[in-house]
């Protein structure tokens, strides 16, 4: 993106930004979905306790949402850093 801005092509920079945003959203949503879908299986890697299973099952959607926002923050931070 910074190369496009440096070359005086703002439309190409806008397209590059849109592409990286779509890729970031697709990748973060797919990982978040995977986290949510395996939340009941994930606990067996650590424990067989029913109480631990319940806690992990409750917290995994929160972790998935945090992953979504963290991924978007990384993408947007890279874009802003290139502009400034």
N, C-alpha and C. Protein backbone atom coordinates (compact mmCIF):
# COMPACT_ATOMS: atom_id res chain seq x y z
N UNK A 1 0.81 -1.16 0.00
CA UNK A 1 0.00 0.00 0.00
C UNK A 1 0.87 1.25 0.00
N UNK A 2 1.90 1.26 0.78
CA UNK A 2 2.75 2.45 0.82
C UNK A 2 3.44 2.67 -0.52
N UNK A 3 3.75 1.60 -1.24
CA UNK A 3 4.34 1.75 -2.57
C UNK A 3 3.37 2.43 -3.52
N UNK A 4 2.11 2.05 -3.41
CA UNK A 4 1.09 2.65 -4.27
C UNK A 4 0.90 4.13 -3.93
N UNK A 5 0.88 4.46 -2.65
CA UNK A 5 0.76 5.86 -2.27
C UNK A 5 1.98 6.66 -2.71
N UNK A 6 3.15 6.08 -2.57
CA UNK A 6 4.38 6.75 -3.00
C UNK A 6 4.42 6.96 -4.50
N UNK A 7 3.79 6.06 -5.25
CA UNK A 7 3.75 6.19 -6.71
C UNK A 7 2.63 7.11 -7.17
N UNK A 8 1.86 7.64 -6.22
CA UNK A 8 0.79 8.55 -6.59
C UNK A 8 -0.45 7.87 -7.12
N UNK A 9 -0.69 6.64 -6.66
CA UNK A 9 -1.88 5.89 -7.09
C UNK A 9 -2.78 5.59 -5.89
N UNK A 10 -3.57 6.56 -5.48
CA UNK A 10 -4.42 6.34 -4.29
C UNK A 10 -5.50 5.28 -4.51
N UNK A 11 -5.97 5.11 -5.74
CA UNK A 11 -6.99 4.09 -6.00
C UNK A 11 -6.43 2.68 -5.80
N UNK A 12 -5.19 2.47 -6.22
CA UNK A 12 -4.55 1.18 -6.02
C UNK A 12 -4.29 0.94 -4.53
N UNK A 13 -3.95 1.99 -3.79
CA UNK A 13 -3.74 1.86 -2.34
C UNK A 13 -5.06 1.53 -1.65
N UNK A 14 -6.14 2.12 -2.09
CA UNK A 14 -7.47 1.83 -1.53
C UNK A 14 -7.83 0.37 -1.79
N UNK A 15 -7.56 -0.09 -3.01
CA UNK A 15 -7.85 -1.49 -3.35
C UNK A 15 -7.01 -2.44 -2.48
N UNK A 16 -5.74 -2.11 -2.29
CA UNK A 16 -4.88 -2.95 -1.45
C UNK A 16 -5.41 -2.99 -0.01
N UNK A 17 -5.89 -1.86 0.48
CA UNK A 17 -6.46 -1.81 1.83
C UNK A 17 -7.71 -2.66 1.92
N UNK A 18 -8.57 -2.58 0.92
CA UNK A 18 -9.79 -3.37 0.93
C UNK A 18 -9.49 -4.86 0.87
N UNK A 19 -8.52 -5.24 0.07
CA UNK A 19 -8.16 -6.65 -0.06
C UNK A 19 -7.63 -7.18 1.26
N UNK A 20 -6.74 -6.44 1.91
CA UNK A 20 -6.17 -6.92 3.18
C UNK A 20 -7.22 -6.95 4.28
N UNK A 21 -8.19 -6.04 4.24
CA UNK A 21 -9.27 -6.08 5.22
C UNK A 21 -10.15 -7.31 5.01
N UNK A 22 -10.47 -7.62 3.77
CA UNK A 22 -11.28 -8.82 3.50
C UNK A 22 -10.53 -10.08 3.91
N UNK A 23 -9.26 -10.15 3.56
CA UNK A 23 -8.47 -11.32 3.96
C UNK A 23 -8.37 -11.44 5.48
N UNK A 24 -8.19 -10.32 6.16
CA UNK A 24 -8.13 -10.34 7.62
C UNK A 24 -9.43 -10.78 8.24
N UNK A 25 -10.54 -10.30 7.69
CA UNK A 25 -11.85 -10.68 8.22
C UNK A 25 -12.12 -12.16 7.98
N UNK A 26 -11.82 -12.64 6.78
CA UNK A 26 -12.06 -14.05 6.46
C UNK A 26 -11.22 -14.96 7.34
N UNK A 27 -9.95 -14.63 7.50
CA UNK A 27 -9.09 -15.49 8.32
C UNK A 27 -9.49 -15.44 9.79
N UNK A 28 -9.80 -14.26 10.31
CA UNK A 28 -10.15 -14.18 11.73
C UNK A 28 -11.51 -14.82 12.01
N UNK A 29 -12.46 -14.68 11.10
CA UNK A 29 -13.76 -15.32 11.30
C UNK A 29 -13.63 -16.84 11.24
N UNK A 30 -12.81 -17.34 10.33
CA UNK A 30 -12.65 -18.79 10.24
C UNK A 30 -11.97 -19.36 11.48
N UNK A 31 -10.97 -18.68 12.00
CA UNK A 31 -10.32 -19.15 13.23
C UNK A 31 -11.27 -19.03 14.41
N UNK A 32 -12.01 -17.93 14.49
CA UNK A 32 -12.97 -17.76 15.58
C UNK A 32 -14.05 -18.84 15.53
N UNK A 33 -14.51 -19.16 14.34
CA UNK A 33 -15.49 -20.23 14.19
C UNK A 33 -14.93 -21.57 14.63
N UNK A 34 -13.69 -21.83 14.26
CA UNK A 34 -13.04 -23.08 14.67
C UNK A 34 -12.91 -23.14 16.19
N UNK A 35 -12.57 -22.03 16.80
CA UNK A 35 -12.46 -21.98 18.26
C UNK A 35 -13.80 -22.29 18.91
N UNK A 36 -14.85 -21.70 18.37
CA UNK A 36 -16.18 -21.92 18.95
C UNK A 36 -16.65 -23.36 18.72
N UNK A 37 -16.37 -23.89 17.54
CA UNK A 37 -16.84 -25.25 17.23
C UNK A 37 -16.14 -26.33 18.05
N UNK A 38 -14.89 -26.13 18.41
CA UNK A 38 -14.16 -27.16 19.17
C UNK A 38 -14.08 -26.85 20.66
N UNK A 39 -14.89 -25.91 21.12
CA UNK A 39 -14.80 -25.51 22.53
C UNK A 39 -15.09 -26.64 23.49
N UNK A 40 -15.94 -27.59 23.10
CA UNK A 40 -16.24 -28.72 23.98
C UNK A 40 -15.20 -29.83 23.89
N UNK A 41 -14.39 -29.83 22.86
CA UNK A 41 -13.34 -30.84 22.71
C UNK A 41 -12.00 -30.36 23.22
N UNK A 42 -11.80 -29.05 23.21
CA UNK A 42 -10.51 -28.45 23.56
C UNK A 42 -10.09 -28.81 24.98
N UNK A 43 -11.04 -28.90 25.88
CA UNK A 43 -10.73 -29.12 27.29
C UNK A 43 -10.09 -30.48 27.53
N UNK A 44 -10.38 -31.46 26.70
CA UNK A 44 -9.84 -32.80 26.92
C UNK A 44 -8.34 -32.87 26.70
N UNK A 45 -7.77 -31.85 26.12
CA UNK A 45 -6.31 -31.79 26.00
C UNK A 45 -5.67 -31.48 27.35
N UNK A 46 -6.46 -30.94 28.27
CA UNK A 46 -5.93 -30.51 29.56
C UNK A 46 -6.50 -31.25 30.76
N UNK A 47 -7.78 -31.63 30.68
CA UNK A 47 -8.42 -32.21 31.86
C UNK A 47 -9.65 -33.02 31.44
N UNK A 48 -10.06 -33.92 32.30
CA UNK A 48 -11.30 -34.67 32.11
C UNK A 48 -12.38 -34.23 33.09
N UNK A 49 -12.11 -33.21 33.86
CA UNK A 49 -13.02 -32.73 34.89
C UNK A 49 -14.22 -32.02 34.26
N UNK A 50 -15.40 -32.33 34.71
CA UNK A 50 -16.64 -31.74 34.18
C UNK A 50 -16.71 -30.23 34.44
N UNK A 51 -16.23 -29.80 35.60
CA UNK A 51 -16.26 -28.39 35.95
C UNK A 51 -15.34 -27.57 35.03
N UNK A 52 -14.18 -28.12 34.73
CA UNK A 52 -13.26 -27.46 33.82
C UNK A 52 -13.87 -27.38 32.42
N UNK A 53 -14.55 -28.44 32.01
CA UNK A 53 -15.23 -28.45 30.71
C UNK A 53 -16.25 -27.31 30.61
N UNK A 54 -17.02 -27.11 31.65
CA UNK A 54 -18.02 -26.04 31.65
C UNK A 54 -17.37 -24.66 31.58
N UNK A 55 -16.30 -24.45 32.34
CA UNK A 55 -15.62 -23.16 32.33
C UNK A 55 -15.01 -22.87 30.96
N UNK A 56 -14.34 -23.85 30.40
CA UNK A 56 -13.71 -23.67 29.08
C UNK A 56 -14.78 -23.43 28.02
N UNK A 57 -15.87 -24.15 28.08
CA UNK A 57 -16.95 -23.97 27.10
C UNK A 57 -17.55 -22.57 27.18
N UNK A 58 -17.59 -22.01 28.37
CA UNK A 58 -18.12 -20.65 28.52
C UNK A 58 -17.14 -19.57 28.07
N UNK A 59 -15.85 -19.81 28.24
CA UNK A 59 -14.88 -18.76 27.95
C UNK A 59 -14.41 -18.76 26.50
N UNK A 60 -14.54 -19.87 25.79
CA UNK A 60 -14.05 -19.93 24.41
C UNK A 60 -14.73 -18.94 23.46
N UNK A 61 -16.03 -18.69 23.54
CA UNK A 61 -16.60 -17.64 22.68
C UNK A 61 -16.01 -16.25 22.96
N UNK A 62 -15.68 -15.98 24.21
CA UNK A 62 -15.05 -14.71 24.55
C UNK A 62 -13.66 -14.63 23.92
N UNK A 63 -12.94 -15.73 23.96
CA UNK A 63 -11.62 -15.78 23.34
C UNK A 63 -11.73 -15.62 21.83
N UNK A 64 -12.76 -16.19 21.23
CA UNK A 64 -12.97 -16.06 19.78
C UNK A 64 -13.22 -14.61 19.40
N UNK A 65 -14.04 -13.91 20.17
CA UNK A 65 -14.31 -12.50 19.90
C UNK A 65 -13.05 -11.67 20.10
N UNK A 66 -12.29 -11.97 21.14
CA UNK A 66 -11.02 -11.26 21.36
C UNK A 66 -10.06 -11.49 20.20
N UNK A 67 -10.03 -12.70 19.67
CA UNK A 67 -9.18 -12.99 18.51
C UNK A 67 -9.61 -12.18 17.30
N UNK A 68 -10.92 -12.07 17.07
CA UNK A 68 -11.43 -11.27 15.96
C UNK A 68 -10.95 -9.82 16.06
N UNK A 69 -11.14 -9.22 17.22
CA UNK A 69 -10.74 -7.82 17.39
C UNK A 69 -9.23 -7.65 17.33
N UNK A 70 -8.50 -8.60 17.86
CA UNK A 70 -7.04 -8.51 17.84
C UNK A 70 -6.52 -8.60 16.41
N UNK A 71 -7.10 -9.47 15.62
CA UNK A 71 -6.68 -9.60 14.23
C UNK A 71 -6.97 -8.33 13.45
N UNK A 72 -8.15 -7.76 13.64
CA UNK A 72 -8.49 -6.51 12.95
C UNK A 72 -7.58 -5.38 13.40
N UNK A 73 -7.23 -5.35 14.67
CA UNK A 73 -6.33 -4.31 15.17
C UNK A 73 -4.96 -4.44 14.52
N UNK A 74 -4.49 -5.64 14.34
CA UNK A 74 -3.19 -5.84 13.69
C UNK A 74 -3.22 -5.38 12.24
N UNK A 75 -4.28 -5.71 11.53
CA UNK A 75 -4.41 -5.31 10.12
C UNK A 75 -4.49 -3.79 10.02
N UNK A 76 -5.36 -3.18 10.82
CA UNK A 76 -5.52 -1.73 10.75
C UNK A 76 -4.27 -1.00 11.22
N UNK A 77 -3.57 -1.54 12.19
CA UNK A 77 -2.34 -0.92 12.66
C UNK A 77 -1.28 -0.91 11.55
N UNK A 78 -1.20 -1.99 10.81
CA UNK A 78 -0.24 -2.04 9.70
C UNK A 78 -0.60 -1.05 8.61
N UNK A 79 -1.89 -0.88 8.35
CA UNK A 79 -2.33 0.05 7.31
C UNK A 79 -2.04 1.49 7.73
N UNK A 80 -2.36 1.83 8.97
CA UNK A 80 -2.13 3.19 9.45
C UNK A 80 -0.63 3.48 9.49
N UNK A 81 0.17 2.53 9.91
CA UNK A 81 1.61 2.72 9.97
C UNK A 81 2.18 3.02 8.57
N UNK A 82 1.63 2.36 7.56
CA UNK A 82 2.09 2.59 6.19
C UNK A 82 1.72 3.99 5.70
N UNK A 83 0.54 4.46 6.09
CA UNK A 83 0.08 5.77 5.65
C UNK A 83 0.89 6.88 6.32
N UNK A 84 1.10 6.74 7.61
CA UNK A 84 1.81 7.79 8.34
C UNK A 84 3.29 7.63 8.13
